[in-house]
Amino acid sequence: MSTFTQTKGRDAEWIRHVGAARARTSHMSLTRRGRFVFFGLPVLSAVVVLAVALMMFLVPGTAQAGTENAASTTQSVVVGSGDTLWDIARDVDSSADVRVTMDKINDLNDLGSGQVTPGQRLIVPIISE
């Protein structure tokens, strides 16, 4: 006895048609991680690149070249024995807030700690009255 049955006519033709259609189409499914790698990472990378480009071109720069103007509005002061940055700032502009003047002197001289030593030359703003 044989387990093979022979199909005839329309049934055989239908089976060949379905088998050929299955062979031609391939179905690929991605896992959640695969979809993220395939779609998410390129999109995320493009967003980051776009954000960096926008920040570079749209945000104004903070560096200012003002050497021409700075020479005419500043003077040089030598720190004396017992002088503090507070004393120098108060002598430079007694009418303004001393802390603001100290900040200006810090910025002009790139003082990180605000400590000054006797004999040190400081650039201070000239205040015209």
Foldseek 3Di string as FASTA:
>chain_A
DDPDDDDDDPVVVVVVVVVVVVVPDDDDDDDPVRCCVVPVVVVVVVVVVVVVVCCVPPPDDPDDDDPVVLVVFKDKDFDAPPDFLLNVLCVQPVPDDSVVQSVVQCVQAVDDPRGDDGGDMTIGTHDDD
